């Protein structure tokens, strides 16, 4: 004869299924995160990644967009920096009076 499942066993199976679904969802979400381009030198960065007048450069193993002119942008606070200065996962920020790309950590 076929043994019937008890309510306790059925609830454990449902809980297990929920845990598996949540785990798989987290796994797929983390696989789809676009974290930018890793690099070792400037030539590793894709040349068409940055809008003009910016050029890709390797900084701390990440490709970032920097202005073509070497002088850079001066600032007093983050809002003084141009918003189109860099691409995700970076945002413009003021660091010791200069606009630099900062990594977005969320």
Protein backbone atom coordinates (compact mmCIF):
# COMPACT_ATOMS: atom_id res chain seq x y z
CA UNK A 1 0.00 0.00 0.00
CA UNK A 2 1.01 3.56 -0.61
CA UNK A 3 1.79 5.43 2.56
CA UNK A 4 0.14 8.86 2.75
CA UNK A 5 2.28 11.88 3.49
CA UNK A 6 1.66 13.54 6.81
CA UNK A 7 1.06 17.29 7.04
CA UNK A 8 4.43 17.75 8.71
CA UNK A 9 6.27 16.13 5.80
CA UNK A 10 4.32 18.15 3.27
CA UNK A 11 5.15 21.43 4.98
CA UNK A 12 8.84 20.48 5.04
CA UNK A 13 8.74 19.79 1.31
CA UNK A 14 7.08 23.15 0.64
CA UNK A 15 9.68 24.96 2.79
CA UNK A 16 12.49 23.20 0.95
CA UNK A 17 11.02 24.25 -2.40
CA UNK A 18 10.82 27.88 -1.25
CA UNK A 19 14.45 27.81 -0.13
CA UNK A 20 15.57 26.36 -3.46
CA UNK A 21 13.59 28.99 -5.41
CA UNK A 22 15.05 31.85 -3.35
CA UNK A 23 18.59 30.49 -3.69
CA UNK A 24 18.28 30.08 -7.46
CA UNK A 25 16.77 33.58 -7.79
CA UNK A 26 19.69 35.12 -5.92
CA UNK A 27 22.13 33.14 -8.02
CA UNK A 28 20.61 34.34 -11.30
CA UNK A 29 20.40 37.97 -10.12
CA UNK A 30 24.06 38.06 -9.13
CA UNK A 31 25.08 36.51 -12.44
CA UNK A 32 23.32 39.31 -14.37
CA UNK A 33 25.01 42.25 -12.60
CA UNK A 34 26.96 44.41 -15.02
CA UNK A 35 29.99 45.42 -13.00
CA UNK A 36 31.97 47.08 -15.79
CA UNK A 37 35.15 45.88 -17.43
CA UNK A 38 38.15 44.43 -15.62
CA UNK A 39 41.57 45.40 -16.95
CA UNK A 40 45.29 45.22 -16.34
CA UNK A 41 46.32 48.04 -18.70
CA UNK A 42 44.67 50.77 -20.78
CA UNK A 43 44.59 48.63 -23.93
CA UNK A 44 42.32 46.08 -22.16
CA UNK A 45 39.46 48.62 -22.08
CA UNK A 46 37.05 48.71 -25.07
CA UNK A 47 37.77 51.87 -27.08
CA UNK A 48 34.10 52.56 -27.93
CA UNK A 49 32.90 52.30 -24.31
CA UNK A 50 33.16 56.00 -23.41
CA UNK A 51 31.23 58.87 -25.03
CA UNK A 52 33.23 61.75 -26.49
CA UNK A 53 35.22 63.69 -25.16
CA UNK A 54 36.17 60.86 -22.80
CA UNK A 55 38.57 57.97 -23.29
CA UNK A 56 38.76 54.63 -21.47
CA UNK A 57 41.58 54.14 -18.97
CA UNK A 58 42.47 51.34 -16.58
CA UNK A 59 42.32 52.44 -12.95
CA UNK A 60 42.64 49.99 -10.05
CA UNK A 61 41.80 47.06 -12.36
CA UNK A 62 38.59 48.71 -13.67
CA UNK A 63 38.00 50.55 -16.94
CA UNK A 64 36.90 54.12 -16.33
CA UNK A 65 36.18 57.09 -18.61
CA UNK A 66 38.41 60.14 -18.25
CA UNK A 67 38.48 63.44 -20.14
CA UNK A 68 40.91 63.60 -23.03
CA UNK A 69 42.52 66.79 -21.75
CA UNK A 70 44.93 66.18 -18.90
CA UNK A 71 43.99 69.16 -16.71
CA UNK A 72 40.81 67.57 -15.31
CA UNK A 73 37.85 69.25 -13.61
CA UNK A 74 38.17 71.22 -10.38
CA UNK A 75 35.40 70.95 -7.77
CA UNK A 76 34.38 71.77 -4.21
CA UNK A 77 31.66 69.12 -3.85
CA UNK A 78 30.27 66.14 -5.78
CA UNK A 79 27.57 68.24 -7.49
CA UNK A 80 30.27 70.38 -9.20
CA UNK A 81 31.40 67.40 -11.32
CA UNK A 82 29.79 66.77 -14.73
CA UNK A 83 27.32 63.87 -14.63
CA UNK A 84 28.43 62.50 -18.01
CA UNK A 85 32.03 62.18 -16.81
CA UNK A 86 31.88 58.41 -16.31
CA UNK A 87 29.77 55.33 -16.99
CA UNK A 88 28.33 52.77 -14.54
CA UNK A 89 29.50 51.22 -12.25
CA UNK A 90 31.13 54.61 -11.55
CA UNK A 91 29.71 58.00 -10.64
CA UNK A 92 31.46 61.40 -10.59
CA UNK A 93 32.75 62.53 -7.23
CA UNK A 94 34.92 65.31 -5.79
CA UNK A 95 38.19 64.09 -4.28
CA UNK A 96 40.65 66.66 -2.91
CA UNK A 97 39.36 69.31 -5.31
CA UNK A 98 39.35 67.15 -8.46
CA UNK A 99 36.48 65.37 -10.20
CA UNK A 100 37.20 61.64 -10.26
CA UNK A 101 35.13 58.51 -10.96
CA UNK A 102 33.97 56.72 -7.81
CA UNK A 103 32.82 53.11 -7.74
CA UNK A 104 29.12 52.76 -6.85
CA UNK A 105 28.76 50.29 -3.97
CA UNK A 106 25.15 49.34 -3.33
